[in-house]
C-alpha atoms as a PDB file:
ATOM      1  CA  MET A   1      -5.502 -42.839  -1.197  1.00  0.00           C
ATOM      2  CA  LYS A   2      -7.088 -39.520  -0.302  1.00  0.00           C
ATOM      3  CA  ARG A   3      -5.552 -37.453   2.471  1.00  0.00           C
ATOM      4  CA  LYS A   4      -7.651 -35.736   5.064  1.00  0.00           C
ATOM      5  CA  PRO A   5      -7.409 -31.948   4.935  1.00  0.00           C
ATOM      6  CA  LYS A   6      -5.230 -30.506   7.677  1.00  0.00           C
ATOM      7  CA  VAL A   7      -7.169 -29.113  10.581  1.00  0.00           C
ATOM      8  CA  LYS A   8      -5.996 -25.649  11.549  1.00  0.00           C
ATOM      9  CA  SER A   9      -5.584 -24.803  15.200  1.00  0.00           C
ATOM     10  CA  SER A  10      -7.076 -21.675  16.768  1.00  0.00           C
ATOM     11  CA  LYS A  11      -3.578 -20.208  16.979  1.00  0.00           C
ATOM     12  CA  VAL A  12      -2.990 -20.653  13.240  1.00  0.00           C
ATOM     13  CA  LEU A  13      -6.436 -19.262  12.420  1.00  0.00           C
ATOM     14  CA  ARG A  14      -5.794 -16.225  14.648  1.00  0.00           C
ATOM     15  CA  GLN A  15      -2.541 -15.531  12.790  1.00  0.00           C
ATOM     16  CA  GLU A  16      -4.372 -15.790   9.465  1.00  0.00           C
ATOM     17  CA  CYS A  17      -7.040 -13.382  10.759  1.00  0.00           C
ATOM     18  CA  LEU A  18      -4.359 -10.899  11.842  1.00  0.00           C
ATOM     19  CA  LYS A  19      -2.762 -11.033   8.381  1.00  0.00           C
ATOM     20  CA  ALA A  20      -6.139 -10.673   6.693  1.00  0.00           C
ATOM     21  CA  ILE A  21      -7.291  -7.689   8.763  1.00  0.00           C
ATOM     22  CA  GLN A  22      -3.993  -5.915   8.153  1.00  0.00           C
ATOM     23  CA  ARG A  23      -4.406  -6.425   4.397  1.00  0.00           C
ATOM     24  CA  LEU A  24      -8.059  -5.399   4.572  1.00  0.00           C
ATOM     25  CA  CYS A  25      -7.323  -2.141   6.394  1.00  0.00           C
ATOM     26  CA  ARG A  26      -4.823  -1.120   3.707  1.00  0.00           C
ATOM     27  CA  LEU A  27      -7.078  -2.097   0.812  1.00  0.00           C
ATOM     28  CA  ALA A  28     -10.109  -0.348   2.304  1.00  0.00           C
ATOM     29  CA  ALA A  29      -8.123   2.870   2.806  1.00  0.00           C
ATOM     30  CA  ALA A  30      -6.681   2.842  -0.717  1.00  0.00           C
ATOM     31  CA  ASP A  31      -7.886   5.255  -3.381  1.00  0.00           C
ATOM     32  CA  ASP A  32      -8.745   4.103  -6.910  1.00  0.00           C
ATOM     33  CA  ASP A  33      -5.029   4.052  -7.807  1.00  0.00           C
ATOM     34  CA  GLY A  34      -4.216   1.818  -4.832  1.00  0.00           C
ATOM     35  CA  ASN A  35      -2.510   4.536  -2.797  1.00  0.00           C
ATOM     36  CA  CYS A  36      -3.165   5.267   0.848  1.00  0.00           C
ATOM     37  CA  GLU A  37      -1.729   7.440   3.570  1.00  0.00           C
ATOM     38  CA  CYS A  38       0.196   6.494   6.707  1.00  0.00           C
ATOM     39  CA  VAL A  39      -1.975   7.544   9.664  1.00  0.00           C
ATOM     40  CA  SER A  40       1.087   8.633  11.643  1.00  0.00           C
ATOM     41  CA  CYS A  41       3.332  10.586   9.262  1.00  0.00           C
ATOM     42  CA  GLY A  42       1.040  11.157   6.291  1.00  0.00           C
ATOM     43  CA  CYS A  43       3.311   9.718   3.603  1.00  0.00           C
ATOM     44  CA  VAL A  44       1.393   8.345   0.627  1.00  0.00           C
ATOM     45  CA  LYS A  45       2.374   4.971  -0.811  1.00  0.00           C
ATOM     46  CA  HIS A  46       0.789   2.060  -2.615  1.00  0.00           C
ATOM     47  CA  TYR A  47      -1.166  -0.079  -0.163  1.00  0.00           C
ATOM     48  CA  SER A  48       1.213  -2.982  -0.740  1.00  0.00           C
ATOM     49  CA  ALA A  49       4.131  -0.848   0.512  1.00  0.00           C
ATOM     50  CA  LEU A  50       2.410  -0.041   3.810  1.00  0.00           C
ATOM     51  CA  GLN A  51       1.699  -2.146   6.876  1.00  0.00           C
ATOM     52  CA  GLY A  52      -1.419  -2.622   8.974  1.00  0.00           C
ATOM     53  CA  GLY A  53      -0.558  -0.820  12.192  1.00  0.00           C
ATOM     54  CA  HIS A  54      -2.489  -1.469  15.387  1.00  0.00           C
ATOM     55  CA  PHE A  55      -3.502   1.531  17.484  1.00  0.00           C
ATOM     56  CA  LEU A  56      -3.709  -0.763  20.519  1.00  0.00           C
ATOM     57  CA  ALA A  57      -1.213  -3.626  20.616  1.00  0.00           C
ATOM     58  CA  LYS A  58      -2.431  -6.949  19.274  1.00  0.00           C
ATOM     59  CA  GLY A  59      -1.658  -8.961  22.410  1.00  0.00           C
ATOM     60  CA  SER A  60      -2.804 -12.546  22.599  1.00  0.00           C
ATOM     61  CA  SER A  61      -6.135 -11.765  24.272  1.00  0.00           C
ATOM     62  CA  SER A  62      -6.676  -8.146  23.324  1.00  0.00           C
ATOM     63  CA  TYR A  63     -10.305  -7.293  22.675  1.00  0.00           C
ATOM     64  CA  TRP A  64      -9.322  -4.883  19.906  1.00  0.00           C
ATOM     65  CA  ALA A  65      -6.707  -7.004  18.075  1.00  0.00           C
ATOM     66  CA  LEU A  66      -9.091  -8.106  15.321  1.00  0.00           C
ATOM     67  CA  LYS A  67     -11.358  -5.060  15.145  1.00  0.00           C
ATOM     68  CA  ILE A  68     -11.079  -2.985  11.967  1.00  0.00           C
ATOM     69  CA  GLU A  69     -11.315   0.237  13.994  1.00  0.00           C
ATOM     70  CA  ASN A  70      -7.974  -0.650  15.589  1.00  0.00           C
ATOM     71  CA  VAL A  71      -5.967  -1.349  12.419  1.00  0.00           C
ATOM     72  CA  HIS A  72      -4.964   1.309   9.882  1.00  0.00           C
ATOM     73  CA  PRO A  73      -2.265   1.838   7.236  1.00  0.00           C
ATOM     74  CA  GLN A  74       1.173   2.794   8.522  1.00  0.00           C
ATOM     75  CA  CYS A  75       4.556   2.997   6.848  1.00  0.00           C
ATOM     76  CA  ALA A  76       7.156   0.565   8.149  1.00  0.00           C
ATOM     77  CA  SER A  77       9.203   3.179   9.983  1.00  0.00           C
ATOM     78  CA  CYS A  78       6.197   4.510  11.895  1.00  0.00           C
ATOM     79  CA  ASN A  79       4.789   1.053  12.649  1.00  0.00           C
ATOM     80  CA  MET A  80       8.031  -0.614  13.681  1.00  0.00           C
ATOM     81  CA  TRP A  81      10.122   2.121  15.297  1.00  0.00           C
ATOM     82  CA  GLY A  82       8.002   5.239  15.517  1.00  0.00           C
ATOM     83  CA  MET A  83       5.353   3.651  17.719  1.00  0.00           C
ATOM     84  CA  ARG A  84       7.950   2.736  20.320  1.00  0.00           C
ATOM     85  CA  TYR A  85      10.709   5.313  20.001  1.00  0.00           C
ATOM     86  CA  GLY A  86       9.270   8.253  18.076  1.00  0.00           C
ATOM     87  CA  SER A  87       6.160  10.368  17.887  1.00  0.00           C
ATOM     88  CA  ALA A  88       4.124   7.992  15.697  1.00  0.00           C
ATOM     89  CA  ALA A  89       1.971   6.840  18.628  1.00  0.00           C
ATOM     90  CA  GLN A  90       0.986  10.425  19.451  1.00  0.00           C
ATOM     91  CA  GLN A  91       0.224  11.155  15.788  1.00  0.00           C
ATOM     92  CA  TYR A  92      -1.797   7.927  15.540  1.00  0.00           C
ATOM     93  CA  THR A  93      -3.808   8.975  18.615  1.00  0.00           C
ATOM     94  CA  LEU A  94      -4.591  12.364  17.069  1.00  0.00           C
ATOM     95  CA  TRP A  95      -5.625  10.669  13.828  1.00  0.00           C
ATOM     96  CA  MET A  96      -7.876   8.247  15.746  1.00  0.00           C
ATOM     97  CA  GLU A  97      -9.534  11.128  17.607  1.00  0.00           C
ATOM     98  CA  ASP A  98     -10.186  12.937  14.309  1.00  0.00           C
ATOM     99  CA  MET A  99     -11.523   9.766  12.704  1.00  0.00           C
ATOM    100  CA  TYR A 100     -13.640   8.264  15.506  1.00  0.00           C
ATOM    101  CA  GLY A 101     -13.923  10.973  18.158  1.00  0.00           C
ATOM    102  CA  ARG A 102     -12.354  11.330  21.579  1.00  0.00           C
ATOM    103  CA  ASP A 103     -15.078   9.337  23.380  1.00  0.00           C
ATOM    104  CA  PHE A 104     -14.555   6.274  21.173  1.00  0.00           C
ATOM    105  CA  VAL A 105     -10.770   6.417  21.600  1.00  0.00           C
ATOM    106  CA  ASP A 106     -11.194   6.730  25.383  1.00  0.00           C
ATOM    107  CA  GLN A 107     -13.529   3.719  25.331  1.00  0.00           C
ATOM    108  CA  MET A 108     -10.978   1.709  23.342  1.00  0.00           C
ATOM    109  CA  ILE A 109      -8.226   2.544  25.806  1.00  0.00           C
ATOM    110  CA  ALA A 110     -10.448   1.774  28.811  1.00  0.00           C
ATOM    111  CA  THR A 111     -11.375  -1.656  27.423  1.00  0.00           C
ATOM    112  CA  LYS A 112      -8.013  -2.604  25.899  1.00  0.00           C
ATOM    113  CA  SER A 113      -7.124  -5.117  28.587  1.00  0.00           C
ATOM    114  CA  GLU A 114     -10.515  -6.816  28.682  1.00  0.00           C
ATOM    115  CA  PRO A 115      -9.809 -10.405  27.733  1.00  0.00           C
ATOM    116  CA  ILE A 116     -11.833 -11.954  24.979  1.00  0.00           C
ATOM    117  CA  LYS A 117     -12.103 -15.680  24.387  1.00  0.00           C
ATOM    118  CA  LEU A 118     -12.501 -16.578  20.752  1.00  0.00           C
ATOM    119  CA  TYR A 119     -13.017 -20.099  19.546  1.00  0.00           C
ATOM    120  CA  LYS A 120     -11.977 -21.803  16.346  1.00  0.00           C
ATOM    121  CA  ALA A 121     -15.391 -21.200  14.759  1.00  0.00           C
ATOM    122  CA  ASP A 122     -15.138 -17.481  15.614  1.00  0.00           C
ATOM    123  CA  TYR A 123     -11.795 -17.235  13.813  1.00  0.00           C
ATOM    124  CA  GLU A 124     -13.120 -19.181  10.831  1.00  0.00           C
ATOM    125  CA  ASP A 125     -16.127 -16.839  10.559  1.00  0.00           C
ATOM    126  CA  MET A 126     -13.933 -13.746  10.891  1.00  0.00           C
ATOM    127  CA  LEU A 127     -11.474 -15.013   8.304  1.00  0.00           C
ATOM    128  CA  ALA A 128     -14.281 -15.715   5.834  1.00  0.00           C
ATOM    129  CA  GLU A 129     -15.689 -12.199   6.358  1.00  0.00           C
ATOM    130  CA  PHE A 130     -12.266 -10.557   6.027  1.00  0.00           C
ATOM    131  CA  ASN A 131     -11.494 -12.512   2.857  1.00  0.00           C
ATOM    132  CA  GLU A 132     -14.854 -11.533   1.344  1.00  0.00           C
ATOM    133  CA  GLN A 133     -14.155  -7.848   1.999  1.00  0.00           C
ATOM    134  CA  ILE A 134     -10.581  -8.212   0.692  1.00  0.00           C
ATOM    135  CA  LYS A 135     -11.919  -9.705  -2.541  1.00  0.00           C
ATOM    136  CA  TYR A 136     -14.383  -6.804  -2.897  1.00  0.00           C
ATOM    137  CA  HIS A 137     -11.625  -4.191  -2.492  1.00  0.00           C
ATOM    138  CA  GLU A 138      -9.222  -6.032  -4.795  1.00  0.00           C
ATOM    139  CA  ASN A 139     -11.916  -6.036  -7.493  1.00  0.00           C
ATOM    140  CA  ARG A 140     -12.603  -2.349  -6.824  1.00  0.00           C
ATOM    141  CA  LEU A 141      -8.934  -1.523  -7.472  1.00  0.00           C
ATOM    142  CA  ARG A 142      -8.674  -3.423 -10.772  1.00  0.00           C
END
């Protein structure tokens, strides 16, 4: 007897998209040796030793949660403690302004609480796109 494939809920798909975009941001930032730099403190580590840090928090309805411009490599100490208790958030802001410009960063901050309603098909499309880009970068690093 053949089993039906499990249907994933929007919540599960969103979590998979968050994992994928965090992996993608690290892979895309990696040099040919697989190393990339923490956007907050500047330490250089292999992409697998870094995390995908969100400039704007990835709240449940955040417009920017799944946008690649919002997610960049961060070391664990900057991403987990430095963003809340240290100077990592200020350093991340300066890095964002250098990377994208002050106007773009201001626009991100101004629109951060705009709710966005994504449906299951949206998450499936995003996940497919993220996975395609991940595969490209993994092949680039081999």
